[in-house]
Amino acid sequence: MDWRDDGIVLTVRPHGEAALITGVLTRGHGRHLGVVHGQRRRAQLPPGTLVSAQWRGRLADHLGTWTLEVDRTPAAAIMDEPLRLLALVSACAVLDAALAERQPLPAVYDGTLAFLDTLPTPHWDAAYVQWEVGLLGVLGFGLDVSRCAVTGSNDHLAFISPKTGRAVSLSAAGPYRDRLLPLPGFLTGREPAVPATVAQGLELTGHFFDRHLFAQAGRAPPEARTRFVESYRRSALRSAAPLR
């Protein structure tokens, strides 16, 4: 077996003394593992690196080996931005944990490329939340923020059901509002994103990842995502603190 594809490096870990097992999200072959020879290459393949990939294996179900040529390293453009680097690593860790191996999902690949392109921009954090919402949708756990689940109206959508993922308007929430999750306005296009609402968005997507993927499989969320969310939350609190 021998094929070529474009890819995004997700994970790299040592394999013996002279090799690496590398997980790559490819556009046409999905999340794929393979061996890269030479541990010194680890520094050349940080998470999010865009590569031209060639995979070889005797049989399709073998681990196989990679030949990876680096096309671009998005991390290089944000080396002085710790939160953005954490977001990049988080996205790769979520993909590695959430995607089945060898299942082609071109929409996920294209959406991830689009997110990586936003990292140097001012709206990278809202784009991260929207990327996670999109990933949930592709995996079959999409959120419906188009109209209220109770009234059918799309006015004043303020909450989302933690069970169904459907939006609920402010007037329809009534006595159940404490059981609902806040719906950030930027996800419905009604308000600009600010750090406080982005933090709400991270809590929202995290709830559905845990409910539908990680908790059901008896796993904790990826540590990289937890670190990013906690760091972003602290940053959001600092930005909201009044000046003295």
Protein backbone atom coordinates (compact mmCIF):
# COMPACT_ATOMS: atom_id res chain seq x y z
CA MET A 1 0.00 0.00 0.00
CA ASP A 2 1.29 3.42 -0.93
CA TRP A 3 -0.63 6.71 -1.04
CA ARG A 4 -0.05 10.45 -0.84
CA ASP A 5 -2.20 13.15 0.72
CA ASP A 6 -2.12 16.55 2.40
CA GLY A 7 -2.11 16.41 6.16
CA ILE A 8 -2.05 18.18 9.52
CA VAL A 9 0.18 16.76 12.25
CA LEU A 10 -1.84 16.00 15.38
CA THR A 11 0.46 14.00 17.68
CA VAL A 12 4.06 12.83 17.85
CA ARG A 13 5.40 10.38 20.43
CA PRO A 14 8.62 8.39 20.75
CA HIS A 15 8.73 4.86 19.35
CA GLY A 16 11.78 2.98 20.51
CA GLU A 17 15.07 4.85 20.43
CA ALA A 18 15.12 6.08 16.85
CA ALA A 19 11.58 6.64 15.63
CA LEU A 20 8.31 8.47 16.25
CA ILE A 21 4.70 7.38 15.98
CA THR A 22 2.98 10.30 14.32
CA GLY A 23 -0.75 10.92 14.01
CA VAL A 24 -1.74 12.94 10.94
CA LEU A 25 -5.17 14.17 9.89
CA THR A 26 -5.28 13.74 6.11
CA ARG A 27 -7.94 15.12 3.83
CA GLY A 28 -8.70 11.92 1.94
CA HIS A 29 -7.70 9.18 4.40
CA GLY A 30 -8.78 10.61 7.76
CA ARG A 31 -6.75 10.38 10.97
CA HIS A 32 -3.88 8.06 10.26
CA LEU A 33 -0.92 6.79 12.27
CA GLY A 34 2.52 5.91 10.97
CA VAL A 35 6.17 5.71 11.93
CA VAL A 36 8.59 8.54 11.20
CA HIS A 37 12.24 7.50 11.39
CA GLY A 38 14.59 9.82 13.27
CA GLN A 39 13.58 11.27 16.64
CA ARG A 40 15.32 14.54 15.81
CA ARG A 41 12.40 15.23 13.48
CA ARG A 42 10.12 15.77 16.48
CA ALA A 43 11.13 19.42 16.67
CA GLN A 44 10.17 19.83 13.00
CA LEU A 45 6.65 18.44 13.52
CA PRO A 46 4.84 20.43 16.22
CA PRO A 47 1.05 20.05 16.39
CA GLY A 48 -0.71 21.79 13.53
CA THR A 49 2.16 21.46 11.06
CA LEU A 50 0.90 21.21 7.47
CA VAL A 51 2.62 18.45 5.55
CA SER A 52 2.72 16.66 2.23
CA ALA A 53 2.43 13.06 3.39
CA GLN A 54 3.28 9.71 1.87
CA TRP A 55 2.20 6.56 3.72
CA ARG A 56 3.56 3.11 2.98
CA GLY A 57 2.61 -0.25 4.46
CA ARG A 58 2.65 -3.86 3.38
CA LEU A 59 -1.07 -4.13 4.14
CA ALA A 60 -3.75 -1.48 4.63
CA ASP A 61 -4.23 -2.37 8.30
CA HIS A 62 -0.52 -2.17 9.18
CA LEU A 63 0.93 0.76 11.11
CA GLY A 64 3.03 1.74 8.11
CA THR A 65 5.63 4.47 7.75
CA TRP A 66 5.41 8.17 6.92
CA THR A 67 7.47 10.34 4.65
CA LEU A 68 6.48 13.86 5.68
CA GLU A 69 7.53 17.07 3.94
CA VAL A 70 6.73 20.22 5.89
CA ASP A 71 4.71 22.76 3.92
CA ARG A 72 3.94 25.27 6.67
CA THR A 73 4.15 25.53 10.45
CA PRO A 74 1.27 27.68 11.80
CA ALA A 75 2.81 27.64 15.29
CA ALA A 76 5.73 29.71 13.97
CA ALA A 77 3.46 32.72 13.43
CA ILE A 78 2.16 32.72 17.02
CA MET A 79 5.24 31.76 19.05
CA ASP A 80 4.84 34.88 21.22
CA GLU A 81 1.12 34.22 21.85
CA PRO A 82 0.80 31.50 24.53
CA LEU A 83 -3.02 31.35 24.48
CA ARG A 84 -3.11 30.91 20.73
CA LEU A 85 -0.49 28.17 20.92
CA LEU A 86 -2.59 26.43 23.58
CA ALA A 87 -5.62 26.67 21.29
CA LEU A 88 -3.69 25.10 18.41
CA VAL A 89 -2.47 22.22 20.58
CA SER A 90 -5.97 21.81 22.02
CA ALA A 91 -7.54 21.54 18.57
CA CYS A 92 -5.07 18.85 17.55
CA ALA A 93 -5.63 16.93 20.79
CA VAL A 94 -9.42 17.09 20.38
CA LEU A 95 -9.15 15.75 16.84
CA ASP A 96 -6.85 12.96 17.96
CA ALA A 97 -9.24 11.96 20.75
CA ALA A 98 -12.54 12.41 18.92
CA LEU A 99 -11.92 11.03 15.44
CA ALA A 100 -12.00 7.37 14.54
CA GLU A 101 -8.85 6.22 12.78
CA ARG A 102 -8.85 6.03 8.96
CA GLN A 103 -12.30 7.57 8.49
CA PRO A 104 -12.15 10.26 5.79
CA LEU A 105 -13.82 13.50 6.91
CA PRO A 106 -12.87 16.17 4.35
CA ALA A 107 -15.13 18.75 6.03
CA VAL A 108 -13.20 18.37 9.29
CA TYR A 109 -9.89 18.73 7.47
CA ASP A 110 -11.03 21.83 5.58
CA GLY A 111 -12.58 23.36 8.70
CA THR A 112 -9.40 22.80 10.67
CA LEU A 113 -7.32 24.46 7.95
CA ALA A 114 -9.67 27.44 8.07
CA PHE A 115 -9.31 27.65 11.86
CA LEU A 116 -5.50 27.49 11.66
CA ASP A 117 -5.60 30.44 9.29
CA THR A 118 -7.45 32.52 11.92
CA LEU A 119 -4.81 32.05 14.64
CA PRO A 120 -2.85 35.23 13.77
CA THR A 121 -6.08 37.28 13.58
CA PRO A 122 -7.93 39.14 16.38
CA HIS A 123 -10.91 36.77 16.22
CA TRP A 124 -9.02 33.50 16.68
CA ASP A 125 -10.75 32.65 19.99
CA ALA A 126 -14.31 32.91 18.66
CA ALA A 127 -13.15 30.95 15.60
CA TYR A 128 -11.94 28.18 17.91
CA VAL A 129 -15.38 27.85 19.52
CA GLN A 130 -17.06 27.88 16.11
CA TRP A 131 -14.61 25.20 14.95
CA GLU A 132 -15.60 22.99 17.89
CA VAL A 133 -19.29 23.57 17.14
CA GLY A 134 -18.64 22.53 13.55
CA LEU A 135 -16.74 19.41 14.64
CA LEU A 136 -19.63 18.38 16.89
CA GLY A 137 -21.97 18.76 13.93
CA VAL A 138 -19.87 16.59 11.62
CA LEU A 139 -19.67 13.92 14.31
CA GLY A 140 -23.46 13.84 14.59
CA PHE A 141 -23.92 15.95 17.72
CA GLY A 142 -24.77 19.28 16.14
CA LEU A 143 -26.21 22.19 18.11
CA ASP A 144 -29.40 23.81 16.82
CA VAL A 145 -29.19 27.55 17.45
CA SER A 146 -31.49 28.54 14.59
CA ARG A 147 -34.75 28.76 16.61
CA CYS A 148 -36.25 28.19 20.04
CA ALA A 149 -37.06 24.54 20.75
CA VAL A 150 -40.21 25.62 22.63
CA THR A 151 -41.71 28.45 20.57
CA GLY A 152 -40.08 27.99 17.17
CA SER A 153 -39.10 31.65 17.17
CA ASN A 154 -35.57 32.89 16.60
CA ASP A 155 -35.95 35.97 18.82
CA HIS A 156 -33.88 36.46 21.99
CA LEU A 157 -32.22 33.04 21.97
CA ALA A 158 -30.35 32.99 25.28
CA PHE A 159 -29.94 29.38 26.40
CA ILE A 160 -29.37 25.88 25.09
CA SER A 161 -30.62 22.58 26.43
CA PRO A 162 -27.77 20.53 27.94
CA LYS A 163 -29.56 17.35 26.79
CA THR A 164 -30.77 18.12 23.26
CA GLY A 165 -28.41 20.89 22.16
CA ARG A 166 -31.38 22.99 21.02
CA ALA A 167 -31.69 26.71 21.69
CA VAL A 168 -34.24 28.18 24.09
CA SER A 169 -35.40 31.80 24.08
CA LEU A 170 -35.27 34.06 27.11
CA SER A 171 -39.06 34.12 27.49
CA ALA A 172 -39.47 30.35 27.10
CA ALA A 173 -36.79 29.43 29.63
CA GLY A 174 -38.99 30.40 32.57
CA PRO A 175 -38.32 28.44 35.76
CA TYR A 176 -35.93 26.08 33.90
CA ARG A 177 -33.30 28.69 33.11
CA ASP A 178 -31.02 27.48 35.92
CA ARG A 179 -30.91 24.05 34.26
CA LEU A 180 -29.98 25.44 30.87
CA LEU A 181 -26.60 26.44 29.48
CA PRO A 182 -25.94 30.06 28.42
CA LEU A 183 -25.91 30.51 24.64
CA PRO A 184 -23.28 33.12 23.66
CA GLY A 185 -24.73 35.68 21.28
CA PHE A 186 -21.82 35.44 18.83
CA LEU A 187 -22.87 31.87 17.98
CA THR A 188 -26.18 33.18 16.66
CA GLY A 189 -24.62 36.21 14.95
CA ARG A 190 -26.48 38.66 17.19
CA GLU A 191 -23.54 39.95 19.25
CA PRO A 192 -19.80 40.38 18.79
CA ALA A 193 -17.56 37.94 20.61
CA VAL A 194 -15.82 39.16 23.76
CA PRO A 195 -13.61 37.09 26.10
CA ALA A 196 -16.43 36.46 28.60
CA THR A 197 -18.78 35.03 25.95
CA VAL A 198 -15.99 33.05 24.29
CA ALA A 199 -15.34 31.46 27.69
CA GLN A 200 -19.06 30.57 27.82
CA GLY A 201 -18.74 29.05 24.37
CA LEU A 202 -15.84 26.87 25.52
CA GLU A 203 -17.92 25.62 28.44
CA LEU A 204 -20.80 24.92 26.06
CA THR A 205 -18.84 22.87 23.54
CA GLY A 206 -16.93 21.16 26.33
CA HIS A 207 -20.20 19.97 27.84
CA PHE A 208 -21.29 18.30 24.60
CA PHE A 209 -17.89 16.78 23.87
CA ASP A 210 -17.92 15.24 27.33
CA ARG A 211 -21.55 14.13 27.13
CA HIS A 212 -21.40 12.52 23.70
CA LEU A 213 -17.79 11.43 23.30
CA PHE A 214 -15.49 11.33 26.29
CA ALA A 215 -17.74 10.42 29.22
CA GLN A 216 -19.52 7.72 27.24
CA ALA A 217 -16.17 6.12 26.49
CA GLY A 218 -15.06 6.44 30.11
CA ARG A 219 -12.37 8.97 29.21
CA ALA A 220 -11.50 12.43 30.48
CA PRO A 221 -11.30 15.33 28.03
CA PRO A 222 -7.85 15.83 26.49
CA GLU A 223 -5.50 17.51 28.95
CA ALA A 224 -4.45 19.99 26.27
CA ARG A 225 -8.02 21.24 25.96
CA THR A 226 -8.43 21.50 29.73
CA ARG A 227 -5.23 23.58 29.96
CA PHE A 228 -6.39 25.87 27.18
CA VAL A 229 -9.86 26.41 28.66
CA GLU A 230 -8.49 27.12 32.14
CA SER A 231 -5.88 29.53 30.78
CA TYR A 232 -8.44 31.29 28.60
CA ARG A 233 -10.87 31.60 31.51
CA ARG A 234 -8.19 33.23 33.68
CA SER A 235 -7.32 35.61 30.85
CA ALA A 236 -10.98 36.51 30.37
CA LEU A 237 -11.38 37.27 34.07
CA ARG A 238 -8.33 39.53 34.01
CA SER A 239 -9.62 41.42 30.98
CA ALA A 240 -12.97 41.94 32.71
CA ALA A 241 -11.45 43.22 35.97
CA PRO A 242 -11.98 46.97 36.49
CA LEU A 243 -8.91 49.20 36.34
CA ARG A 244 -7.86 50.76 39.62
